């Protein structure tokens, strides 16, 4: 059985687009999450890291979307 996988780059671009559509800056998210620096958010947006599940849930709430609306999947190569 073949399962979809998360497309990190497309998910990151989606996070960036959804953040902008919600009228939030990277700094706004940094403050909301209580991060000392914005590095984690930039990693999410660049597709080099994903938010943890609890941060993904909080992000969805902040962006007024479902978690499924944030994650972009692709079919792996067979």
N, C-alpha and C. Protein backbone atom coordinates (compact mmCIF):
# COMPACT_ATOMS: atom_id res chain seq x y z
N UNK A 1 0.84 -1.17 0.00
CA UNK A 1 0.00 0.00 0.00
C UNK A 1 0.89 1.24 0.00
N UNK A 2 0.51 2.23 -0.79
CA UNK A 2 1.28 3.46 -0.91
C UNK A 2 0.53 4.57 -0.17
N UNK A 3 1.22 5.24 0.74
CA UNK A 3 0.62 6.32 1.51
C UNK A 3 1.16 7.66 1.02
N UNK A 4 0.37 8.69 1.09
CA UNK A 4 0.89 10.01 0.71
C UNK A 4 1.93 10.48 1.72
N UNK A 5 2.79 11.37 1.27
CA UNK A 5 3.80 11.96 2.15
C UNK A 5 3.63 13.48 2.12
N UNK A 6 4.12 14.14 3.16
CA UNK A 6 4.01 15.59 3.23
C UNK A 6 5.06 16.22 2.32
N UNK A 7 4.62 17.11 1.47
CA UNK A 7 5.52 17.88 0.62
C UNK A 7 5.97 19.08 1.45
N UNK A 8 7.19 19.01 1.97
CA UNK A 8 7.69 20.04 2.87
C UNK A 8 7.75 21.43 2.23
N UNK A 9 8.23 21.50 1.01
CA UNK A 9 8.38 22.79 0.34
C UNK A 9 7.02 23.42 0.06
N UNK A 10 6.10 22.63 -0.47
CA UNK A 10 4.76 23.16 -0.77
C UNK A 10 4.00 23.51 0.50
N UNK A 11 4.18 22.71 1.55
CA UNK A 11 3.54 23.02 2.83
C UNK A 11 4.09 24.32 3.39
N UNK A 12 5.39 24.50 3.28
CA UNK A 12 6.01 25.74 3.74
C UNK A 12 5.49 26.95 3.00
N UNK A 13 5.39 26.83 1.67
CA UNK A 13 4.85 27.92 0.87
C UNK A 13 3.40 28.20 1.25
N UNK A 14 2.67 27.14 1.55
CA UNK A 14 1.27 27.28 1.95
C UNK A 14 1.16 28.01 3.30
N UNK A 15 2.04 27.66 4.24
CA UNK A 15 2.04 28.34 5.53
C UNK A 15 2.29 29.84 5.31
N UNK A 16 3.22 30.17 4.47
CA UNK A 16 3.53 31.57 4.18
C UNK A 16 2.32 32.27 3.57
N UNK A 17 1.69 31.65 2.59
CA UNK A 17 0.53 32.25 1.93
C UNK A 17 -0.64 32.41 2.90
N UNK A 18 -0.89 31.39 3.71
CA UNK A 18 -1.99 31.47 4.68
C UNK A 18 -1.71 32.53 5.74
N UNK A 19 -0.46 32.64 6.16
CA UNK A 19 -0.09 33.66 7.14
C UNK A 19 -0.36 35.05 6.58
N UNK A 20 0.06 35.28 5.35
CA UNK A 20 -0.15 36.58 4.72
C UNK A 20 -1.65 36.86 4.53
N UNK A 21 -2.40 35.84 4.12
CA UNK A 21 -3.84 36.00 3.93
C UNK A 21 -4.56 36.34 5.23
N UNK A 22 -4.01 35.85 6.34
CA UNK A 22 -4.58 36.13 7.66
C UNK A 22 -4.13 37.49 8.20
N UNK A 23 -3.25 38.17 7.45
CA UNK A 23 -2.76 39.47 7.86
C UNK A 23 -1.77 39.43 9.01
N UNK A 24 -1.06 38.30 9.12
CA UNK A 24 -0.09 38.12 10.20
C UNK A 24 1.34 38.17 9.67
N UNK A 25 2.23 38.73 10.45
CA UNK A 25 3.64 38.74 10.10
C UNK A 25 4.34 37.56 10.77
N UNK A 26 5.55 37.31 10.36
CA UNK A 26 6.37 36.28 11.02
C UNK A 26 6.53 36.66 12.49
N UNK A 27 6.73 37.94 12.75
CA UNK A 27 6.88 38.41 14.13
C UNK A 27 5.61 38.15 14.94
N UNK A 28 4.44 38.32 14.33
CA UNK A 28 3.18 38.02 15.02
C UNK A 28 3.13 36.56 15.45
N UNK A 29 3.54 35.66 14.56
CA UNK A 29 3.54 34.23 14.90
C UNK A 29 4.58 33.94 15.98
N UNK A 30 5.73 34.57 15.87
CA UNK A 30 6.78 34.39 16.88
C UNK A 30 6.24 34.74 18.26
N UNK A 31 5.55 35.86 18.37
CA UNK A 31 4.98 36.29 19.64
C UNK A 31 3.89 35.34 20.11
N UNK A 32 3.03 34.91 19.19
CA UNK A 32 1.93 34.02 19.54
C UNK A 32 2.44 32.69 20.09
N UNK A 33 3.53 32.19 19.52
CA UNK A 33 4.09 30.92 19.97
C UNK A 33 5.06 31.08 21.13
N UNK A 34 5.45 32.30 21.42
CA UNK A 34 6.38 32.54 22.51
C UNK A 34 7.80 32.12 22.19
N UNK A 35 8.16 32.14 20.90
CA UNK A 35 9.51 31.78 20.49
C UNK A 35 10.45 32.95 20.74
N UNK A 36 11.69 32.66 21.11
CA UNK A 36 12.69 33.71 21.33
C UNK A 36 13.17 34.32 20.03
N UNK A 37 13.10 33.54 18.94
CA UNK A 37 13.51 34.04 17.63
C UNK A 37 12.52 33.49 16.58
N UNK A 38 12.52 34.08 15.40
CA UNK A 38 11.59 33.63 14.37
C UNK A 38 12.11 32.44 13.55
N UNK A 39 13.25 31.88 13.92
CA UNK A 39 13.89 30.84 13.11
C UNK A 39 12.96 29.66 12.82
N UNK A 40 12.22 29.20 13.81
CA UNK A 40 11.34 28.04 13.59
C UNK A 40 10.30 28.35 12.52
N UNK A 41 9.75 29.54 12.56
CA UNK A 41 8.72 29.92 11.59
C UNK A 41 9.32 30.02 10.19
N UNK A 42 10.52 30.57 10.10
CA UNK A 42 11.18 30.62 8.79
C UNK A 42 11.49 29.21 8.29
N UNK A 43 11.85 28.31 9.17
CA UNK A 43 12.09 26.91 8.76
C UNK A 43 10.80 26.27 8.26
N UNK A 44 9.68 26.55 8.92
CA UNK A 44 8.40 26.03 8.45
C UNK A 44 8.12 26.56 7.04
N UNK A 45 8.29 27.88 6.87
CA UNK A 45 7.97 28.51 5.58
C UNK A 45 8.92 28.10 4.47
N UNK A 46 10.16 27.79 4.81
CA UNK A 46 11.14 27.37 3.80
C UNK A 46 11.06 25.89 3.49
N UNK A 47 10.25 25.16 4.25
CA UNK A 47 10.10 23.74 4.00
C UNK A 47 11.25 22.91 4.52
N UNK A 48 12.00 23.42 5.49
CA UNK A 48 13.09 22.64 6.07
C UNK A 48 12.68 21.98 7.38
N UNK A 49 11.51 22.33 7.89
CA UNK A 49 10.98 21.73 9.11
C UNK A 49 9.46 21.87 9.12
N UNK A 50 8.83 21.02 9.89
CA UNK A 50 7.38 21.10 10.07
C UNK A 50 7.07 21.47 11.51
N UNK A 51 5.95 22.17 11.73
CA UNK A 51 5.55 22.40 13.11
C UNK A 51 5.23 21.08 13.80
N UNK A 52 5.44 21.02 15.11
CA UNK A 52 4.99 19.85 15.85
C UNK A 52 3.47 19.80 15.76
N UNK A 53 2.89 18.68 16.12
CA UNK A 53 1.44 18.54 16.01
C UNK A 53 0.72 19.59 16.85
N UNK A 54 1.18 19.83 18.07
CA UNK A 54 0.52 20.84 18.90
C UNK A 54 0.70 22.24 18.32
N UNK A 55 1.86 22.54 17.74
CA UNK A 55 2.05 23.83 17.09
C UNK A 55 1.24 23.93 15.80
N UNK A 56 1.07 22.83 15.11
CA UNK A 56 0.26 22.81 13.90
C UNK A 56 -1.20 23.11 14.24
N UNK A 57 -1.67 22.54 15.32
CA UNK A 57 -3.04 22.80 15.78
C UNK A 57 -3.21 24.28 16.14
N UNK A 58 -2.25 24.84 16.86
CA UNK A 58 -2.29 26.26 17.23
C UNK A 58 -2.20 27.14 15.98
N UNK A 59 -1.34 26.76 15.04
CA UNK A 59 -1.19 27.53 13.80
C UNK A 59 -2.50 27.55 13.02
N UNK A 60 -3.15 26.41 12.93
CA UNK A 60 -4.43 26.34 12.24
C UNK A 60 -5.44 27.28 12.88
N UNK A 61 -5.45 27.32 14.19
CA UNK A 61 -6.37 28.21 14.90
C UNK A 61 -6.04 29.67 14.61
N UNK A 62 -4.76 30.01 14.66
CA UNK A 62 -4.34 31.39 14.38
C UNK A 62 -4.68 31.81 12.95
N UNK A 63 -4.58 30.88 12.02
CA UNK A 63 -4.82 31.18 10.60
C UNK A 63 -6.28 30.99 10.21
N UNK A 64 -7.11 30.50 11.14
CA UNK A 64 -8.54 30.27 10.90
C UNK A 64 -8.78 29.26 9.78
N UNK A 65 -7.98 28.17 9.83
CA UNK A 65 -8.11 27.08 8.86
C UNK A 65 -8.03 25.76 9.62
N UNK A 66 -8.28 24.66 8.93
CA UNK A 66 -8.10 23.34 9.52
C UNK A 66 -6.65 22.90 9.30
N UNK A 67 -6.19 21.99 10.13
CA UNK A 67 -4.83 21.47 9.96
C UNK A 67 -4.65 20.89 8.57
N UNK A 68 -5.67 20.22 8.05
CA UNK A 68 -5.60 19.65 6.70
C UNK A 68 -5.42 20.71 5.62
N UNK A 69 -5.84 21.94 5.91
CA UNK A 69 -5.69 23.01 4.93
C UNK A 69 -4.26 23.53 4.87
N UNK A 70 -3.47 23.22 5.87
CA UNK A 70 -2.08 23.68 5.92
C UNK A 70 -1.15 22.70 5.22
N UNK A 71 -1.36 21.42 5.45
CA UNK A 71 -0.46 20.38 4.96
C UNK A 71 -0.75 20.06 3.49
N UNK A 72 0.28 20.06 2.68
CA UNK A 72 0.19 19.67 1.28
C UNK A 72 0.88 18.31 1.13
N UNK A 73 0.17 17.36 0.55
CA UNK A 73 0.74 16.02 0.40
C UNK A 73 1.01 15.71 -1.07
N UNK A 74 1.82 14.69 -1.26
CA UNK A 74 2.12 14.19 -2.60
C UNK A 74 2.21 12.69 -2.52
N UNK A 75 2.06 12.06 -3.64
CA UNK A 75 2.20 10.61 -3.71
C UNK A 75 3.68 10.27 -3.88
N UNK A 76 4.20 9.36 -3.08
CA UNK A 76 5.60 8.99 -3.24
C UNK A 76 5.81 8.23 -4.54
N UNK A 77 7.06 8.24 -4.98
CA UNK A 77 7.40 7.46 -6.17
C UNK A 77 7.27 5.99 -5.86
N UNK A 78 6.72 5.25 -6.79
CA UNK A 78 6.55 3.79 -6.57
C UNK A 78 7.78 3.04 -6.96
